[in-house]
């Protein structure tokens, strides 16, 4: 199961994702990613504290968001990731590629 919510934290667009981000649920979040990119949003915080499980499809969606926002001169911060998703990011070496922070306030300060 997947749930997500898009909100604002000052001038930062927050996409909070909870549950499982896998091959079954990624199609649900792709339209939201497309809207963020189409709107030209350059400050995105991906709030993952509620994310329980991620697979290669979920990683692909995050990498796609990251690359597309960066190509517009923006950035994506990963907030609150823990457990299995954090371990997958570490194993894939993505902790070095992504700016991973503990809180939304910390993410907002780093833009």
N, C-alpha and C. Protein backbone atom coordinates (compact mmCIF):
# COMPACT_ATOMS: atom_id res chain seq x y z
N UNK A 1 0.84 -1.19 0.00
CA UNK A 1 0.00 0.00 0.00
C UNK A 1 0.88 1.25 0.00
N UNK A 2 0.43 2.27 -0.68
CA UNK A 2 1.16 3.52 -0.80
C UNK A 2 0.22 4.68 -0.52
N UNK A 3 0.73 5.66 0.20
CA UNK A 3 0.01 6.93 0.32
C UNK A 3 1.02 8.05 0.14
N UNK A 4 0.55 9.14 -0.42
CA UNK A 4 1.44 10.29 -0.60
C UNK A 4 0.63 11.56 -0.54
N UNK A 5 1.33 12.63 -0.17
CA UNK A 5 0.68 13.93 -0.04
C UNK A 5 1.68 15.01 -0.44
N UNK A 6 1.21 15.96 -1.23
CA UNK A 6 2.04 17.09 -1.63
C UNK A 6 1.60 18.32 -0.86
N UNK A 7 2.56 18.96 -0.17
CA UNK A 7 2.28 20.16 0.61
C UNK A 7 3.40 21.17 0.37
N UNK A 8 3.29 22.31 1.01
CA UNK A 8 4.33 23.34 0.94
C UNK A 8 4.92 23.55 2.32
N UNK A 9 6.22 23.76 2.37
CA UNK A 9 6.93 24.13 3.60
C UNK A 9 7.73 25.37 3.22
N UNK A 10 7.11 26.53 3.39
CA UNK A 10 7.72 27.76 2.87
C UNK A 10 7.73 27.69 1.35
N UNK A 11 8.91 27.89 0.75
CA UNK A 11 9.01 27.83 -0.71
C UNK A 11 9.44 26.45 -1.21
N UNK A 12 9.40 25.45 -0.33
CA UNK A 12 9.79 24.09 -0.69
C UNK A 12 8.54 23.23 -0.88
N UNK A 13 8.47 22.53 -1.99
CA UNK A 13 7.39 21.58 -2.24
C UNK A 13 7.77 20.26 -1.57
N UNK A 14 6.88 19.77 -0.72
CA UNK A 14 7.13 18.54 0.03
C UNK A 14 6.25 17.43 -0.56
N UNK A 15 6.89 16.34 -0.93
CA UNK A 15 6.16 15.15 -1.35
C UNK A 15 6.43 14.08 -0.29
N UNK A 16 5.43 13.84 0.56
CA UNK A 16 5.55 12.84 1.63
C UNK A 16 5.02 11.51 1.11
N UNK A 17 5.85 10.49 1.19
CA UNK A 17 5.50 9.16 0.69
C UNK A 17 5.55 8.18 1.85
N UNK A 18 4.48 7.40 2.01
CA UNK A 18 4.39 6.41 3.08
C UNK A 18 3.99 5.06 2.51
N UNK A 19 4.38 4.00 3.21
CA UNK A 19 4.01 2.66 2.80
C UNK A 19 5.10 2.01 1.97
N UNK A 20 4.70 1.38 0.88
CA UNK A 20 5.63 0.67 0.00
C UNK A 20 5.73 1.38 -1.34
N UNK A 21 6.96 1.67 -1.77
CA UNK A 21 7.20 2.26 -3.09
C UNK A 21 7.88 1.17 -3.92
N UNK A 22 7.04 0.44 -4.67
CA UNK A 22 7.54 -0.71 -5.42
C UNK A 22 6.88 -0.77 -6.79
N UNK A 23 7.13 -1.84 -7.51
CA UNK A 23 6.64 -1.94 -8.88
C UNK A 23 5.11 -1.86 -8.96
N UNK A 24 4.42 -2.24 -7.91
CA UNK A 24 2.96 -2.17 -7.90
C UNK A 24 2.44 -0.77 -7.63
N UNK A 25 3.19 0.04 -6.88
CA UNK A 25 2.70 1.34 -6.45
C UNK A 25 3.33 2.54 -7.17
N UNK A 26 4.48 2.34 -7.80
CA UNK A 26 5.14 3.45 -8.50
C UNK A 26 4.21 4.12 -9.53
N UNK A 27 3.38 3.37 -10.28
CA UNK A 27 2.48 4.04 -11.22
C UNK A 27 1.54 5.06 -10.57
N UNK A 28 1.27 4.91 -9.28
CA UNK A 28 0.41 5.87 -8.58
C UNK A 28 1.12 7.20 -8.34
N UNK A 29 2.43 7.17 -8.12
CA UNK A 29 3.17 8.39 -7.77
C UNK A 29 3.75 9.07 -9.00
N UNK A 30 3.90 8.37 -10.11
CA UNK A 30 4.48 8.98 -11.32
C UNK A 30 3.74 10.23 -11.80
N UNK A 31 2.38 10.25 -11.81
CA UNK A 31 1.69 11.49 -12.23
C UNK A 31 2.02 12.68 -11.34
N UNK A 32 2.24 12.45 -10.05
CA UNK A 32 2.59 13.54 -9.14
C UNK A 32 3.98 14.06 -9.49
N UNK A 33 4.90 13.15 -9.77
CA UNK A 33 6.24 13.56 -10.19
C UNK A 33 6.17 14.37 -11.48
N UNK A 34 5.35 13.91 -12.43
CA UNK A 34 5.19 14.63 -13.69
C UNK A 34 4.67 16.05 -13.47
N UNK A 35 3.71 16.20 -12.55
CA UNK A 35 3.16 17.54 -12.26
C UNK A 35 4.21 18.45 -11.64
N UNK A 36 5.02 17.90 -10.75
CA UNK A 36 6.09 18.69 -10.12
C UNK A 36 7.06 19.19 -11.19
N UNK A 37 7.46 18.30 -12.08
CA UNK A 37 8.40 18.67 -13.14
C UNK A 37 7.75 19.66 -14.11
N UNK A 38 6.51 19.38 -14.52
CA UNK A 38 5.82 20.26 -15.47
C UNK A 38 5.62 21.67 -14.91
N UNK A 39 5.46 21.77 -13.59
CA UNK A 39 5.27 23.08 -12.95
C UNK A 39 6.59 23.83 -12.78
N UNK A 40 7.71 23.17 -13.09
CA UNK A 40 9.01 23.83 -12.97
C UNK A 40 9.45 24.04 -11.53
N UNK A 41 8.96 23.21 -10.62
CA UNK A 41 9.31 23.34 -9.21
C UNK A 41 10.77 22.96 -9.02
N UNK A 42 11.53 23.84 -8.36
CA UNK A 42 12.97 23.64 -8.23
C UNK A 42 13.45 23.26 -6.84
N UNK A 43 12.57 23.33 -5.85
CA UNK A 43 12.92 22.94 -4.48
C UNK A 43 11.94 21.87 -4.03
N UNK A 44 12.43 20.63 -4.00
CA UNK A 44 11.57 19.50 -3.65
C UNK A 44 12.18 18.76 -2.46
N UNK A 45 11.38 18.54 -1.44
CA UNK A 45 11.77 17.70 -0.31
C UNK A 45 10.94 16.43 -0.39
N UNK A 46 11.61 15.32 -0.52
CA UNK A 46 10.96 14.02 -0.58
C UNK A 46 10.98 13.44 0.84
N UNK A 47 9.83 13.53 1.50
CA UNK A 47 9.72 13.15 2.91
C UNK A 47 9.40 11.66 2.98
N UNK A 48 10.38 10.87 3.44
CA UNK A 48 10.25 9.41 3.40
C UNK A 48 10.22 8.76 4.77
N UNK A 49 9.92 9.49 5.83
CA UNK A 49 9.92 8.89 7.17
C UNK A 49 8.87 7.80 7.31
N UNK A 50 7.81 7.84 6.51
CA UNK A 50 6.77 6.81 6.56
C UNK A 50 6.96 5.71 5.54
N UNK A 51 8.03 5.77 4.77
CA UNK A 51 8.29 4.74 3.76
C UNK A 51 8.83 3.49 4.45
N UNK A 52 8.17 2.38 4.22
CA UNK A 52 8.55 1.13 4.88
C UNK A 52 9.41 0.23 3.98
N UNK A 53 9.05 0.15 2.69
CA UNK A 53 9.74 -0.74 1.76
C UNK A 53 9.91 -0.03 0.42
N UNK A 54 11.07 -0.23 -0.19
CA UNK A 54 11.32 0.31 -1.52
C UNK A 54 12.02 -0.78 -2.33
N UNK A 55 11.72 -0.83 -3.63
CA UNK A 55 12.43 -1.75 -4.52
C UNK A 55 13.05 -0.96 -5.66
N UNK A 56 13.57 -1.66 -6.65
CA UNK A 56 14.27 -0.98 -7.74
C UNK A 56 13.36 -0.02 -8.51
N UNK A 57 12.08 -0.32 -8.61
CA UNK A 57 11.15 0.59 -9.28
C UNK A 57 11.01 1.90 -8.50
N UNK A 58 10.94 1.79 -7.19
CA UNK A 58 10.86 2.97 -6.34
C UNK A 58 12.12 3.80 -6.41
N UNK A 59 13.27 3.12 -6.40
CA UNK A 59 14.55 3.84 -6.56
C UNK A 59 14.57 4.56 -7.90
N UNK A 60 14.08 3.88 -8.94
CA UNK A 60 14.04 4.50 -10.27
C UNK A 60 13.19 5.75 -10.30
N UNK A 61 12.06 5.74 -9.60
CA UNK A 61 11.19 6.92 -9.55
C UNK A 61 11.89 8.08 -8.84
N UNK A 62 12.59 7.78 -7.74
CA UNK A 62 13.31 8.82 -7.00
C UNK A 62 14.44 9.38 -7.85
N UNK A 63 15.20 8.52 -8.49
CA UNK A 63 16.31 8.97 -9.34
C UNK A 63 15.77 9.82 -10.50
N UNK A 64 14.65 9.41 -11.09
CA UNK A 64 14.05 10.17 -12.17
C UNK A 64 13.66 11.58 -11.71
N UNK A 65 12.99 11.66 -10.55
CA UNK A 65 12.63 12.97 -10.00
C UNK A 65 13.87 13.81 -9.78
N UNK A 66 14.87 13.23 -9.15
CA UNK A 66 16.13 13.92 -8.86
C UNK A 66 16.77 14.47 -10.13
N UNK A 67 16.92 13.62 -11.14
CA UNK A 67 17.58 14.03 -12.38
C UNK A 67 16.79 15.11 -13.12
N UNK A 68 15.48 14.98 -13.14
CA UNK A 68 14.66 15.95 -13.88
C UNK A 68 14.63 17.31 -13.20
N UNK A 69 14.55 17.32 -11.87
CA UNK A 69 14.56 18.59 -11.14
C UNK A 69 15.95 19.23 -11.25
N UNK A 70 17.00 18.44 -11.13
CA UNK A 70 18.36 18.97 -11.27
C UNK A 70 18.60 19.54 -12.66
N UNK A 71 18.03 18.93 -13.70
CA UNK A 71 18.22 19.43 -15.06
C UNK A 71 17.59 20.80 -15.26
N UNK A 72 16.65 21.18 -14.37
CA UNK A 72 16.02 22.50 -14.43
C UNK A 72 16.73 23.49 -13.52
N UNK A 73 17.84 23.07 -12.91
CA UNK A 73 18.57 23.94 -12.00
C UNK A 73 18.08 23.88 -10.57
N UNK A 74 17.27 22.88 -10.26
CA UNK A 74 16.75 22.73 -8.91
C UNK A 74 17.45 21.62 -8.16
N UNK A 75 16.85 21.22 -7.03
CA UNK A 75 17.44 20.15 -6.23
C UNK A 75 16.34 19.42 -5.47
N UNK A 76 16.65 18.20 -5.08
CA UNK A 76 15.76 17.37 -4.28
C UNK A 76 16.51 16.96 -3.03
N UNK A 77 15.87 17.15 -1.89
CA UNK A 77 16.42 16.70 -0.61
C UNK A 77 15.58 15.52 -0.14
N UNK A 78 16.23 14.51 0.42
CA UNK A 78 15.53 13.35 0.97
C UNK A 78 15.47 13.54 2.49
N UNK A 79 14.25 13.46 3.04
CA UNK A 79 14.04 13.77 4.44
C UNK A 79 13.55 12.53 5.20
N UNK A 80 14.19 12.25 6.33
CA UNK A 80 13.68 11.28 7.29
C UNK A 80 13.70 9.82 6.87
N UNK A 81 14.45 9.47 5.85
CA UNK A 81 14.46 8.07 5.41
C UNK A 81 15.12 7.19 6.47
N UNK A 82 14.54 6.00 6.68
CA UNK A 82 15.04 5.10 7.73
C UNK A 82 14.76 3.66 7.33
N UNK A 83 15.23 2.73 8.12
CA UNK A 83 14.92 1.32 7.93
C UNK A 83 15.41 0.75 6.61
N UNK A 84 14.60 -0.11 6.01
CA UNK A 84 14.96 -0.78 4.76
C UNK A 84 15.25 0.21 3.62
N UNK A 85 14.43 1.26 3.44
CA UNK A 85 14.75 2.22 2.36
C UNK A 85 16.12 2.88 2.55
N UNK A 86 16.47 3.23 3.78
CA UNK A 86 17.78 3.84 4.06
C UNK A 86 18.90 2.86 3.73
N UNK A 87 18.71 1.61 4.10
CA UNK A 87 19.71 0.58 3.84
C UNK A 87 19.89 0.36 2.33
N UNK A 88 18.80 0.37 1.58
CA UNK A 88 18.90 0.22 0.12
C UNK A 88 19.67 1.40 -0.48
N UNK A 89 19.37 2.62 -0.05
CA UNK A 89 20.11 3.79 -0.54
C UNK A 89 21.59 3.66 -0.23
N UNK A 90 21.90 3.16 0.97
CA UNK A 90 23.30 2.98 1.37
C UNK A 90 23.97 1.92 0.51
N UNK A 91 23.32 0.78 0.33
CA UNK A 91 23.90 -0.31 -0.46
C UNK A 91 24.16 0.09 -1.91
N UNK A 92 23.28 0.93 -2.45
CA UNK A 92 23.43 1.38 -3.84
C UNK A 92 24.38 2.57 -3.97
N UNK A 93 24.88 3.08 -2.86
CA UNK A 93 25.78 4.22 -2.90
C UNK A 93 25.08 5.54 -3.16
N UNK A 94 23.76 5.54 -3.00
CA UNK A 94 23.00 6.76 -3.31
C UNK A 94 23.03 7.77 -2.17
N UNK A 95 23.51 7.37 -0.99
CA UNK A 95 23.67 8.35 0.09
C UNK A 95 24.66 9.44 -0.29
N UNK A 96 25.59 9.10 -1.17
CA UNK A 96 26.56 10.10 -1.63
C UNK A 96 25.96 11.01 -2.71
N UNK A 97 24.99 10.49 -3.46
CA UNK A 97 24.39 11.27 -4.55
C UNK A 97 23.29 12.19 -4.06
N UNK A 98 22.51 11.72 -3.09
CA UNK A 98 21.39 12.49 -2.57
C UNK A 98 21.79 13.22 -1.29
N UNK A 99 21.19 14.39 -1.08
CA UNK A 99 21.35 15.11 0.18
C UNK A 99 20.27 14.59 1.12
N UNK A 100 20.65 13.77 2.09
CA UNK A 100 19.71 13.15 3.02
C UNK A 100 19.79 13.88 4.34
N UNK A 101 18.63 14.38 4.79
CA UNK A 101 18.56 15.16 6.02
C UNK A 101 17.49 14.58 6.94
N UNK A 102 17.49 15.02 8.20
CA UNK A 102 16.57 14.47 9.21
C UNK A 102 15.21 15.15 9.21
N UNK A 103 15.19 16.48 8.96
CA UNK A 103 13.93 17.23 9.11
C UNK A 103 13.66 18.12 7.90
N UNK A 104 12.40 18.54 7.77
CA UNK A 104 12.05 19.48 6.70
C UNK A 104 12.73 20.83 6.89
N UNK A 105 12.87 21.27 8.13
CA UNK A 105 13.56 22.53 8.37
C UNK A 105 15.00 22.47 7.89
N UNK A 106 15.67 21.35 8.16
CA UNK A 106 17.04 21.18 7.70
C UNK A 106 17.11 21.17 6.18
N UNK A 107 16.13 20.52 5.55
CA UNK A 107 16.09 20.50 4.08
C UNK A 107 15.93 21.92 3.54
N UNK A 108 15.01 22.67 4.12
CA UNK A 108 14.75 24.05 3.66
C UNK A 108 16.00 24.91 3.78
N UNK A 109 16.78 24.72 4.84
CA UNK A 109 18.01 25.50 5.03
C UNK A 109 19.08 25.16 4.02
N UNK A 110 19.05 23.94 3.48
CA UNK A 110 20.11 23.50 2.57
C UNK A 110 19.88 23.87 1.11
N UNK A 111 18.71 24.42 0.80
CA UNK A 111 18.47 24.83 -0.60
C UNK A 111 19.22 26.10 -0.91
